[in-house]
Amino acid sequence: MEDEVAQEEATPEYNAVDMAMNERIRLLKVPVDIVAPDDLAPLIFRLANDPEEHNIVLLSIWDLLRARRNAEYREYVEQAMLVIPISKSIVRGAWFLLKKRPVRYMPFDFIMKCMSVLEEHEFSSYMLGGKKRVLLKIERNIVSTFPGLRMVGRFPAFKRHEEAAVISAIRKASPSLLLVGKGVRGGELWLARNTGRLGNGLKLWCSDLFDVLAGRRWRPARKIFGLGLEWIGYCQRNPLKLFRFFPFAYYNLLLLAYKMSGKTKPKPAETPG
């Protein structure tokens, strides 16, 4: 992790932050934000410094399809302050339908950027979910790599009867960034169902990124990710992912159907927040 951070450029001071750094588009009726790389750091700072609660969604093509069929998840994505695409297919689809080109971020790099910005301003972080030994290893890595980032708490996967105590602990710690990983009942929807109960700050669902941060799980090289070929590695490790061909084909059919139906006429850009 230390090597990853060494590659980051110094983050400038943000005294006057533009309140409209991201353009929101709609791809197949699902919101997607366009955030230029140069705007990401000041935008993260502005959101972390804002006395409100802000959800950030790292949106894959599978999440986009889920948002179309699941009303609860769709509302969560709609209300998120940032919806960051992580699938190349989303970028391709946005260009095909809207002639817009969102910036795609690698999940690991996105979280590293968030932590780098938060460290510079001595903000704090809290980890929820996963296994205790994994959280301990991540915390040691974070403290070593981001010494200015205050780790104000961690809690592994919990049982239903512990939920109230967990929420109370998070509110008391008041982290600038809450990272939630697998093992939390409800998954990403746990954040949706507890919006307004967790206090202010940034909230981000990490899926299996805790294992990546702990060095226990494979992550693609940046070159492979940039080419959109990371799925090959995932399929090699889990052949069942080959069945995702069918929803992927459905996604492409949807793009074609929208294009032919003329449902993609330009609309005024949205600016979340």
Protein backbone atom coordinates (compact mmCIF):
# COMPACT_ATOMS: atom_id res chain seq x y z
CA MET A 1 0.00 0.00 0.00
CA GLU A 2 2.93 2.32 0.71
CA ASP A 3 4.00 2.07 -2.93
CA GLU A 4 0.53 3.03 -4.09
CA VAL A 5 0.50 6.22 -2.05
CA ALA A 6 3.97 7.22 -3.13
CA GLN A 7 2.62 7.61 -6.65
CA GLU A 8 0.02 10.17 -5.57
CA GLU A 9 0.78 13.81 -6.34
CA ALA A 10 0.60 16.32 -3.50
CA THR A 11 -2.93 17.55 -2.97
CA PRO A 12 -3.23 21.35 -3.09
CA GLU A 13 -5.04 23.39 -0.46
CA TYR A 14 -8.72 23.96 -1.19
CA ASN A 15 -9.82 27.28 0.19
CA ALA A 16 -12.52 28.04 -2.33
CA VAL A 17 -14.13 24.88 -3.61
CA ASP A 18 -16.43 24.87 -6.60
CA MET A 19 -19.85 23.55 -5.53
CA ALA A 20 -20.50 22.07 -8.97
CA MET A 21 -17.53 19.88 -9.79
CA ASN A 22 -19.49 16.93 -11.10
CA GLU A 23 -22.00 16.64 -13.90
CA ARG A 24 -24.74 14.06 -13.44
CA ILE A 25 -26.07 12.19 -16.44
CA ARG A 26 -28.60 9.37 -16.69
CA LEU A 27 -27.71 6.12 -18.38
CA LEU A 28 -30.71 3.81 -18.84
CA LYS A 29 -32.48 5.98 -16.21
CA VAL A 30 -29.69 5.42 -13.65
CA PRO A 31 -27.62 8.41 -12.47
CA VAL A 32 -23.90 8.47 -13.23
CA ASP A 33 -21.54 11.30 -12.26
CA ILE A 34 -18.77 12.68 -14.42
CA VAL A 35 -15.87 13.76 -12.20
CA ALA A 36 -12.61 14.80 -13.84
CA PRO A 37 -9.45 13.46 -12.15
CA ASP A 38 -8.30 17.00 -11.32
CA ASP A 39 -11.63 17.69 -9.60
CA LEU A 40 -11.78 14.53 -7.51
CA ALA A 41 -9.53 15.58 -4.61
CA PRO A 42 -11.15 19.00 -4.01
CA LEU A 43 -14.59 17.43 -4.35
CA ILE A 44 -13.79 14.79 -1.72
CA PHE A 45 -12.48 17.51 0.58
CA ARG A 46 -15.59 19.62 0.12
CA LEU A 47 -17.89 16.69 0.89
CA ALA A 48 -15.86 15.55 3.89
CA ASN A 49 -15.83 19.07 5.26
CA ASP A 50 -19.57 19.52 4.80
CA PRO A 51 -21.66 19.00 7.98
CA GLU A 52 -23.99 16.58 6.23
CA GLU A 53 -24.16 12.86 5.47
CA HIS A 54 -23.07 11.91 1.94
CA ASN A 55 -23.23 8.47 0.37
CA ILE A 56 -20.79 7.54 -2.39
CA VAL A 57 -21.63 4.69 -4.78
CA LEU A 58 -19.01 2.85 -6.83
CA LEU A 59 -21.27 1.76 -9.68
CA SER A 60 -20.53 -1.35 -11.74
CA ILE A 61 -22.56 -2.49 -14.73
CA TRP A 62 -24.17 -5.09 -12.45
CA ASP A 63 -25.14 -2.36 -9.97
CA LEU A 64 -26.64 -0.31 -12.80
CA LEU A 65 -28.83 -3.25 -13.84
CA ARG A 66 -29.74 -3.86 -10.21
CA ALA A 67 -30.83 -0.24 -9.83
CA ARG A 68 -33.21 -0.69 -12.77
CA ARG A 69 -35.01 -3.64 -11.18
CA ASN A 70 -34.72 -2.94 -7.43
CA ALA A 71 -36.65 0.13 -6.27
CA GLU A 72 -34.91 0.35 -2.89
CA TYR A 73 -31.45 0.22 -4.42
CA ARG A 74 -32.46 2.66 -7.16
CA GLU A 75 -33.57 5.21 -4.55
CA TYR A 76 -30.27 4.77 -2.70
CA VAL A 77 -28.31 5.46 -5.90
CA GLU A 78 -30.57 8.42 -6.75
CA GLN A 79 -29.92 9.99 -3.34
CA ALA A 80 -26.15 9.38 -3.39
CA MET A 81 -24.00 12.49 -3.58
CA LEU A 82 -21.53 10.75 -5.89
CA VAL A 83 -22.13 7.85 -8.29
CA ILE A 84 -18.72 6.86 -9.63
CA PRO A 85 -18.58 4.39 -12.57
CA ILE A 86 -16.12 1.52 -12.19
CA SER A 87 -17.09 -0.52 -15.29
CA LYS A 88 -15.78 0.24 -18.76
CA SER A 89 -19.16 -0.83 -20.15
CA ILE A 90 -20.78 2.15 -18.40
CA VAL A 91 -18.35 4.55 -20.04
CA ARG A 92 -18.94 2.91 -23.41
CA GLY A 93 -22.72 2.98 -22.93
CA ALA A 94 -22.73 6.66 -21.96
CA TRP A 95 -20.80 7.55 -25.10
CA PHE A 96 -23.02 5.37 -27.29
CA LEU A 97 -26.28 6.89 -26.01
CA LEU A 98 -25.39 10.37 -24.77
CA LYS A 99 -22.04 11.26 -26.34
CA LYS A 100 -20.81 11.79 -22.78
CA ARG A 101 -17.68 10.14 -21.45
CA PRO A 102 -17.66 9.59 -17.66
CA VAL A 103 -14.33 9.03 -15.95
CA ARG A 104 -13.99 5.50 -14.70
CA TYR A 105 -12.13 4.91 -11.45
CA MET A 106 -10.50 1.76 -10.12
CA PRO A 107 -12.12 1.10 -6.70
CA PHE A 108 -8.77 0.59 -4.93
CA ASP A 109 -7.34 3.81 -6.36
CA PHE A 110 -10.52 5.74 -5.54
CA ILE A 111 -10.31 4.76 -1.86
CA MET A 112 -6.59 5.54 -1.80
CA LYS A 113 -7.33 9.02 -3.17
CA CYS A 114 -10.05 9.55 -0.56
CA MET A 115 -7.69 8.57 2.24
CA SER A 116 -4.91 10.74 0.87
CA VAL A 117 -7.18 13.81 0.85
CA LEU A 118 -8.56 13.05 4.31
CA GLU A 119 -5.06 12.52 5.72
CA GLU A 120 -3.85 15.88 4.50
CA HIS A 121 -6.56 17.60 6.52
CA GLU A 122 -6.38 15.24 9.50
CA PHE A 123 -9.85 13.82 9.01
CA SER A 124 -10.91 10.44 10.38
CA SER A 125 -12.08 7.02 9.23
CA TYR A 126 -14.06 4.06 10.63
CA MET A 127 -14.26 0.52 9.24
CA LEU A 128 -17.32 -1.70 9.56
CA GLY A 129 -17.76 -5.31 8.44
CA GLY A 130 -15.42 -8.10 7.44
CA LYS A 131 -13.34 -10.21 9.82
CA LYS A 132 -11.62 -8.81 12.89
CA ARG A 133 -8.13 -9.97 11.86
CA VAL A 134 -8.60 -8.43 8.41
CA LEU A 135 -9.65 -5.10 9.92
CA LEU A 136 -6.64 -5.14 12.23
CA LYS A 137 -4.28 -5.70 9.31
CA ILE A 138 -5.93 -2.95 7.25
CA GLU A 139 -5.72 -0.55 10.19
CA ARG A 140 -2.00 -1.21 10.57
CA ASN A 141 -1.50 -0.61 6.85
CA ILE A 142 -3.53 2.60 6.91
CA VAL A 143 -1.75 3.96 9.99
CA SER A 144 1.59 3.23 8.34
CA THR A 145 0.64 4.68 4.97
CA PHE A 146 -1.57 7.56 6.08
CA PRO A 147 -0.24 8.61 9.51
CA GLY A 148 -2.31 11.80 9.46
CA LEU A 149 -5.59 9.92 8.98
CA ARG A 150 -7.15 9.23 12.36
CA MET A 151 -8.66 5.75 12.73
CA VAL A 152 -11.48 6.33 15.19
CA GLY A 153 -12.98 2.84 15.23
CA ARG A 154 -13.58 -0.53 13.63
CA PHE A 155 -16.20 -3.21 14.09
CA PRO A 156 -16.33 -6.60 12.32
CA ALA A 157 -19.45 -8.24 10.94
CA PHE A 158 -22.12 -8.07 13.63
CA LYS A 159 -25.34 -9.81 14.61
CA ARG A 160 -28.76 -8.22 14.42
CA HIS A 161 -29.02 -7.61 18.16
CA GLU A 162 -25.73 -5.64 18.04
CA GLU A 163 -26.89 -3.21 15.38
CA ALA A 164 -28.12 -0.46 17.71
CA ALA A 165 -24.83 -0.48 19.63
CA VAL A 166 -22.85 -0.39 16.36
CA ILE A 167 -24.81 2.58 15.05
CA SER A 168 -24.39 4.38 18.38
CA ALA A 169 -20.63 3.75 18.29
CA ILE A 170 -20.36 5.14 14.76
CA ARG A 171 -22.32 8.27 15.67
CA LYS A 172 -20.15 8.80 18.74
CA ALA A 173 -16.94 8.37 16.73
CA SER A 174 -18.28 10.72 14.02
CA PRO A 175 -15.86 9.58 11.29
CA SER A 176 -15.25 11.69 8.20
CA LEU A 177 -15.29 8.46 6.17
CA LEU A 178 -17.21 5.29 7.02
CA LEU A 179 -16.07 2.25 5.03
CA VAL A 180 -18.54 -0.65 5.07
CA GLY A 181 -17.57 -4.09 3.79
CA LYS A 182 -19.05 -7.54 3.37
CA GLY A 183 -20.50 -9.28 6.40
CA VAL A 184 -22.93 -6.48 7.21
CA ARG A 185 -26.51 -7.71 7.03
CA GLY A 186 -28.17 -6.21 3.95
CA GLY A 187 -24.90 -5.33 2.26
CA GLU A 188 -24.90 -1.97 0.54
CA LEU A 189 -28.58 -1.57 1.35
CA TRP A 190 -27.64 -1.40 5.04
CA LEU A 191 -26.30 2.07 4.30
CA ALA A 192 -29.51 2.97 2.49
CA ARG A 193 -31.68 1.74 5.37
CA ASN A 194 -29.65 3.61 7.96
CA THR A 195 -29.27 6.92 6.16
CA GLY A 196 -29.82 9.65 8.72
CA ARG A 197 -28.83 7.42 11.66
CA LEU A 198 -25.06 7.22 11.15
CA GLY A 199 -24.12 10.86 11.58
CA ASN A 200 -22.41 13.15 9.09
CA GLY A 201 -19.47 12.36 6.84
CA LEU A 202 -18.85 10.19 3.79
CA LYS A 203 -20.31 6.69 3.59
CA LEU A 204 -18.88 4.16 1.13
CA TRP A 205 -19.70 0.50 0.49
CA CYS A 206 -16.46 -1.39 -0.13
CA SER A 207 -17.82 -4.82 -1.11
CA ASP A 208 -14.76 -7.13 -1.00
CA LEU A 209 -12.21 -4.30 -1.00
CA PHE A 210 -11.33 -4.98 2.64
CA ASP A 211 -9.65 -8.20 1.52
CA VAL A 212 -7.89 -6.28 -1.25
CA LEU A 213 -6.67 -3.63 1.20
CA ALA A 214 -5.40 -6.41 3.46
CA GLY A 215 -3.54 -8.04 0.56
CA ARG A 216 -5.70 -11.18 0.80
CA ARG A 217 -7.49 -10.80 -2.53
CA TRP A 218 -6.32 -10.30 -6.10
CA ARG A 219 -6.76 -6.96 -7.79
CA PRO A 220 -6.06 -6.23 -11.46
CA ALA A 221 -3.10 -4.25 -12.65
CA ARG A 222 -3.96 -0.71 -13.69
CA LYS A 223 -3.14 -1.47 -17.33
CA ILE A 224 -5.52 -4.43 -17.35
CA PHE A 225 -8.21 -2.36 -15.63
CA GLY A 226 -7.71 0.48 -18.09
CA LEU A 227 -8.35 -1.92 -20.98
CA GLY A 228 -11.49 -3.22 -19.31
CA LEU A 229 -10.09 -6.75 -19.16
CA GLU A 230 -10.18 -7.28 -15.40
CA TRP A 231 -13.12 -9.65 -15.88
CA ILE A 232 -10.72 -12.26 -17.28
CA GLY A 233 -8.88 -12.48 -13.99
CA TYR A 234 -12.13 -12.64 -12.02
CA CYS A 235 -13.44 -15.45 -14.23
CA GLN A 236 -10.22 -17.40 -13.86
CA ARG A 237 -10.62 -17.27 -10.09
CA ASN A 238 -14.37 -17.91 -10.17
CA PRO A 239 -15.62 -19.59 -13.39
CA LEU A 240 -19.24 -19.01 -12.31
CA LYS A 241 -18.76 -15.34 -13.22
CA LEU A 242 -18.85 -16.47 -16.87
CA PHE A 243 -22.63 -16.59 -16.47
CA ARG A 244 -22.57 -12.80 -16.25
CA PHE A 245 -22.43 -12.92 -20.02
CA PHE A 246 -26.23 -13.05 -20.03
CA PRO A 247 -26.89 -9.83 -18.05
CA PHE A 248 -24.07 -8.23 -20.04
CA ALA A 249 -25.84 -9.16 -23.28
CA TYR A 250 -29.09 -7.80 -21.83
CA TYR A 251 -27.33 -4.51 -21.02
CA ASN A 252 -26.15 -4.17 -24.60
CA LEU A 253 -29.64 -4.93 -25.91
CA LEU A 254 -31.01 -2.20 -23.64
CA LEU A 255 -28.51 0.29 -25.05
CA LEU A 256 -29.53 -0.61 -28.57
CA ALA A 257 -33.24 -0.42 -27.75
CA TYR A 258 -32.85 3.02 -26.15
CA LYS A 259 -30.84 4.24 -29.11
CA MET A 260 -33.44 3.06 -31.62
CA SER A 261 -36.37 4.41 -29.59
CA GLY A 262 -34.94 7.91 -29.38
CA LYS A 263 -35.11 7.97 -25.56
CA THR A 264 -31.69 9.54 -25.31
CA LYS A 265 -32.40 13.10 -26.42
CA PRO A 266 -30.10 15.52 -24.54
CA LYS A 267 -31.45 16.97 -21.29
CA PRO A 268 -30.07 19.73 -19.08
CA ALA A 269 -27.18 18.45 -16.99
CA GLU A 270 -27.83 17.71 -13.32
CA THR A 271 -25.56 18.76 -10.49
CA PRO A 272 -26.01 16.74 -7.28
CA GLY A 273 -25.97 18.58 -4.00
